[in-house]
Amino acid sequence: MNKKSKESDLEKWRMPLFLLGISFSAALVLSAFEWRTPNHYQSVDEIGEFNTFELPPEPILASVPRPPEPPTQSKPNPDKLILVDKPTPKPVAPDDANKDLSADPILEPIDFPPEKYTEEPVAPNTPIDHPDVYPEFPGGDAGLFGYLKSNTRFPQMERDARMQGKVYAEFVVNEKGEVEQVKILRGLAAGFDREAVRVISGMPNWKPGLQNGEPVSVRYRLPIHFVLKN
């Protein structure tokens, strides 16, 4: 019995409490819309007169000075003139006065003495390299090769060493056809060089070379071959 009475009492107050809550919520919402923030602005009467501000003056442009005018030349004062003595002209001779100065002067030719060229003296028997006609061995080239083949001896020391090669010699055939000034240009061995000098020095007289139709001394170069036979 007691439990049912308590539940019936609660059911009786449910609806009024619900309506009371709705009305309180509505009142809060309306008060929120009606709420205004305080006005912090002051009216013109409260502020009084406005403060005035003065603007700075406009800048004044500096004027550019004009360039100075050139000084004017003062006129000479006749009282302060300086007199300068002019050179007096020389008197003209009567003969010079009659000459025509407009005519061009005539230059006389000067004869210069001819230059003398001194030629270096040349020895009469100086050997040359390229004559008009070369010297000739008796019998020509065949006779020269036959002479070298018959008279050249192979050195024994170089033969034992099995050496062979070529020796280049130089000599002069004078205007009489005689062989002289024998020397080795490029040697091979001492025995080969001595044999080349010996066989060339023992040559018979050559037919001399000619230059401008006259016999002259001619420098001659000759290779001599030393070859071993198996």
Foldseek 3Di string as FASTA:
>chain_A
DVVVVVVVVCVVCPVVVVVVVVVVVVVVVVVVVVDDDDDPDDDCVVVDDDDDDDDDDDDDDDDDDDDDDDDDDDDDDPVPDDDDDDDDDDDDDPVVVPDDPVDDDDDDDDDDDDDDDDDDDDDQQDADADAPFAWAAVVGPVVVVVLLVVQQDDDPVCVVVVDWFKWKWKWKQALFQATHDIDTPDGDDPVRRVRVSVSRNPGDGINAGDHPRGGHMHMDMDMRTGHDDD
